Amino acid sequence: MFDKELVKNKLMEWEGALKGYALPDWEGFPSLPLYMDQVTFLLNGYLSLFPEDEQAETIVTPAMINNYVKLKIIPAPVKKRYSREHLAYLVMVCVLKQSMSTGDIRRLIPSDLPLEEVQRLYADFVATVREIQGAFCEAVRQAAMPVLEQDGPPVSHLVFQAAVAANLFRQVTEKLVALRTEAPAAGE
């Protein structure tokens, strides 16, 4: 059983959080290199989409970052310090890992890209996140409307819709990444 009024209120709260959420652009990153504790602090703030009471755990840990370096998903730090380039990689990786394997992320965003390419790719990523936010909110609102009506289908119907959509989008993502050839072409 779900309390439809609670679900409605939470959906409105989450929509407000999503609409108010924005990833930093390149210039929004600190210009000075950072140590690991500074990086994890910033990333946990950047990636905190929902209010803190919704967060079950820390989003980014030093162990995760060290593994990304070891697996060559992100470039190694320089003298244990992380630059804007590292922050851009980490933001993209942390967002994408929610629906993609690390192997697919490594294929999509090689860790040895030239700095200008990382900047361009990150700008495109941020713009894509902004673009999808509005479309996503509208799609959830449309899917939820019949469910939240007095005699509408149960809330589990909306949960099923979200789960099936997430699965289908994940599968399409995997298939698209599999189509990628070796190195990205200029402007890709």
Protein backbone atom coordinates (compact mmCIF):
# COMPACT_ATOMS: atom_id res chain seq x y z
CA MET A 1 0.00 0.00 0.00
CA PHE A 2 1.08 3.52 -0.75
CA ASP A 3 -0.29 6.75 0.62
CA LYS A 4 -1.13 8.60 -2.60
CA GLU A 5 -1.02 11.98 -0.88
CA LEU A 6 2.48 11.26 0.47
CA VAL A 7 3.61 10.08 -2.98
CA LYS A 8 2.18 13.23 -4.57
CA ASN A 9 3.94 15.48 -2.03
CA LYS A 10 7.25 13.64 -2.44
CA LEU A 11 7.05 13.79 -6.24
CA MET A 12 6.48 17.55 -6.04
CA GLU A 13 9.38 17.91 -3.59
CA TRP A 14 11.69 15.85 -5.80
CA GLU A 15 10.64 17.78 -8.91
CA GLY A 16 11.51 21.03 -7.14
CA ALA A 17 14.88 19.62 -6.10
CA LEU A 18 15.58 18.43 -9.64
CA LYS A 19 14.60 21.75 -11.19
CA GLY A 20 16.86 23.59 -8.75
CA TYR A 21 19.79 21.23 -9.33
CA ALA A 22 22.69 22.21 -11.57
CA LEU A 23 26.11 20.76 -12.13
CA PRO A 24 28.93 23.30 -12.08
CA ASP A 25 30.31 24.37 -15.43
CA TRP A 26 34.06 24.19 -16.07
CA GLU A 27 34.66 27.66 -14.65
CA GLY A 28 32.67 26.70 -11.56
CA PHE A 29 35.40 24.26 -10.55
CA PRO A 30 38.21 25.59 -8.35
CA SER A 31 41.17 26.70 -10.45
CA LEU A 32 43.75 25.47 -7.93
CA PRO A 33 44.59 21.76 -7.64
CA LEU A 34 42.90 20.00 -4.72
CA TYR A 35 43.75 17.21 -2.32
CA MET A 36 41.56 14.11 -2.01
CA ASP A 37 39.55 15.30 1.01
CA GLN A 38 38.72 18.55 -0.79
CA VAL A 39 37.72 16.64 -3.92
CA THR A 40 35.39 14.27 -2.07
CA PHE A 41 33.81 17.18 -0.18
CA LEU A 42 33.14 19.11 -3.41
CA LEU A 43 31.90 16.09 -5.36
CA ASN A 44 29.49 15.06 -2.62
CA GLY A 45 28.05 18.58 -2.80
CA TYR A 46 27.95 18.70 -6.59
CA LEU A 47 26.25 15.31 -6.86
CA SER A 48 23.75 15.69 -4.04
CA LEU A 49 20.61 15.83 -6.14
CA PHE A 50 18.04 15.42 -3.41
CA PRO A 51 17.83 17.01 0.04
CA GLU A 52 20.17 15.45 2.62
CA ASP A 53 17.44 13.51 4.43
CA GLU A 54 17.03 11.52 1.20
CA GLN A 55 20.72 10.60 1.00
CA ALA A 56 21.42 7.14 2.36
CA GLU A 57 25.20 7.27 2.03
CA THR A 58 28.18 9.27 0.89
CA ILE A 59 28.13 9.55 -2.88
CA VAL A 60 31.89 9.67 -3.47
CA THR A 61 34.65 8.21 -1.30
CA PRO A 62 38.45 8.32 -1.56
CA ALA A 63 38.45 4.55 -2.20
CA MET A 64 36.15 5.02 -5.21
CA ILE A 65 38.38 7.72 -6.68
CA ASN A 66 41.50 5.60 -6.12
CA ASN A 67 39.79 2.69 -7.90
CA TYR A 68 38.87 4.92 -10.84
CA VAL A 69 42.53 5.93 -11.14
CA LYS A 70 43.73 2.32 -10.80
CA LEU A 71 41.24 1.15 -13.44
CA LYS A 72 42.29 4.05 -15.71
CA ILE A 73 38.77 5.49 -15.77
CA ILE A 74 40.18 8.89 -14.81
CA PRO A 75 43.72 10.25 -15.17
CA ALA A 76 46.07 9.88 -12.21
CA PRO A 77 46.43 12.90 -9.93
CA VAL A 78 49.57 15.00 -10.21
CA LYS A 79 51.49 14.92 -6.92
CA LYS A 80 48.29 13.74 -5.14
CA ARG A 81 46.40 16.78 -6.37
CA TYR A 82 43.34 16.93 -8.59
CA SER A 83 42.64 19.59 -11.22
CA ARG A 84 39.50 20.81 -12.99
CA GLU A 85 40.09 18.04 -15.51
CA HIS A 86 39.89 15.43 -12.75
CA LEU A 87 36.75 17.02 -11.31
CA ALA A 88 35.08 16.97 -14.72
CA TYR A 89 35.93 13.30 -15.22
CA LEU A 90 34.74 12.47 -11.71
CA VAL A 91 31.41 14.27 -12.09
CA MET A 92 30.72 12.51 -15.38
CA VAL A 93 31.82 9.11 -14.07
CA CYS A 94 29.83 9.39 -10.85
CA VAL A 95 26.65 10.36 -12.70
CA LEU A 96 27.09 7.77 -15.43
CA LYS A 97 27.99 4.90 -13.10
CA GLN A 98 24.42 4.92 -11.83
CA SER A 99 23.33 3.34 -15.11
CA MET A 100 26.51 2.24 -16.89
CA SER A 101 29.32 -0.19 -16.19
CA THR A 102 32.78 1.23 -15.58
CA GLY A 103 33.97 -0.56 -18.71
CA ASP A 104 31.35 1.23 -20.81
CA ILE A 105 32.24 4.55 -19.16
CA ARG A 106 35.93 3.98 -19.97
CA ARG A 107 34.98 3.29 -23.61
CA LEU A 108 32.80 6.40 -23.78
CA ILE A 109 35.20 8.76 -21.98
CA PRO A 110 38.81 7.58 -22.29
CA SER A 111 41.06 8.85 -19.49
CA ASP A 112 43.73 10.07 -21.90
CA LEU A 113 41.74 12.72 -23.76
CA PRO A 114 43.43 16.07 -24.42
CA LEU A 115 42.40 18.80 -21.98
CA GLU A 116 40.44 20.73 -24.62
CA GLU A 117 38.45 17.60 -25.45
CA VAL A 118 37.67 17.00 -21.76
CA GLN A 119 36.46 20.60 -21.49
CA ARG A 120 34.25 20.23 -24.57
CA LEU A 121 32.92 16.85 -23.48
CA TYR A 122 32.14 18.12 -19.98
CA ALA A 123 30.33 21.20 -21.35
CA ASP A 124 28.23 18.89 -23.53
CA PHE A 125 27.55 16.63 -20.54
CA VAL A 126 26.36 19.54 -18.37
CA ALA A 127 24.14 20.84 -21.19
CA THR A 128 22.68 17.36 -21.65
CA VAL A 129 21.90 17.04 -17.95
CA ARG A 130 20.10 20.40 -18.04
CA GLU A 131 18.16 19.40 -21.14
CA ILE A 132 17.07 16.04 -19.72
CA GLN A 133 15.97 17.47 -16.37
CA GLY A 134 12.99 19.32 -17.82
CA ALA A 135 11.93 16.47 -20.09
CA PHE A 136 12.25 14.00 -17.24
CA CYS A 137 10.13 16.10 -14.87
CA GLU A 138 7.42 16.39 -17.51
CA ALA A 139 7.47 12.64 -18.23
CA VAL A 140 7.18 11.75 -14.54
CA ARG A 141 4.38 14.29 -14.07
CA GLN A 142 2.45 12.80 -17.03
CA ALA A 143 2.96 9.22 -15.82
CA ALA A 144 1.96 10.11 -12.24
CA MET A 145 -1.24 12.05 -13.07
CA PRO A 146 -3.55 9.04 -13.59
CA VAL A 147 -2.00 7.17 -10.67
CA LEU A 148 -2.56 10.05 -8.27
CA GLU A 149 -6.25 10.43 -9.16
CA GLN A 150 -8.71 9.12 -6.57
CA ASP A 151 -9.74 6.02 -8.55
CA GLY A 152 -6.56 5.73 -10.63
CA PRO A 153 -4.29 2.71 -10.79
CA PRO A 154 -2.23 1.88 -7.70
CA VAL A 155 1.08 3.65 -7.08
CA SER A 156 2.83 0.35 -7.82
CA HIS A 157 1.86 1.01 -11.47
CA LEU A 158 4.04 4.14 -11.44
CA VAL A 159 6.86 2.19 -9.76
CA PHE A 160 6.64 -0.46 -12.49
CA GLN A 161 6.70 2.23 -15.19
CA ALA A 162 9.81 3.83 -13.68
CA ALA A 163 11.60 0.48 -13.29
CA VAL A 164 10.81 -0.69 -16.82
CA ALA A 165 11.81 2.69 -18.32
CA ALA A 166 15.09 2.64 -16.35
CA ASN A 167 15.83 -0.87 -17.62
CA LEU A 168 15.04 0.02 -21.24
CA PHE A 169 17.16 3.17 -21.11
CA ARG A 170 20.03 1.17 -19.57
CA GLN A 171 19.82 -1.41 -22.35
CA VAL A 172 19.78 1.26 -25.07
CA THR A 173 22.76 2.91 -23.38
CA GLU A 174 24.73 -0.35 -23.41
CA LYS A 175 23.88 -0.98 -27.06
CA LEU A 176 24.89 2.54 -28.09
CA VAL A 177 28.21 2.36 -26.24
CA ALA A 178 28.89 -1.01 -27.88
CA LEU A 179 28.62 0.71 -31.28
CA ARG A 180 31.48 3.07 -30.41
CA THR A 181 34.64 2.53 -32.37
CA GLU A 182 38.11 3.14 -30.99
CA ALA A 183 39.00 6.80 -30.67
CA PRO A 184 36.36 9.55 -30.79
CA ALA A 185 36.29 11.51 -34.02
CA ALA A 186 36.85 15.26 -33.83
CA GLY A 187 33.64 16.95 -32.80
CA GLU A 188 31.96 13.67 -31.76
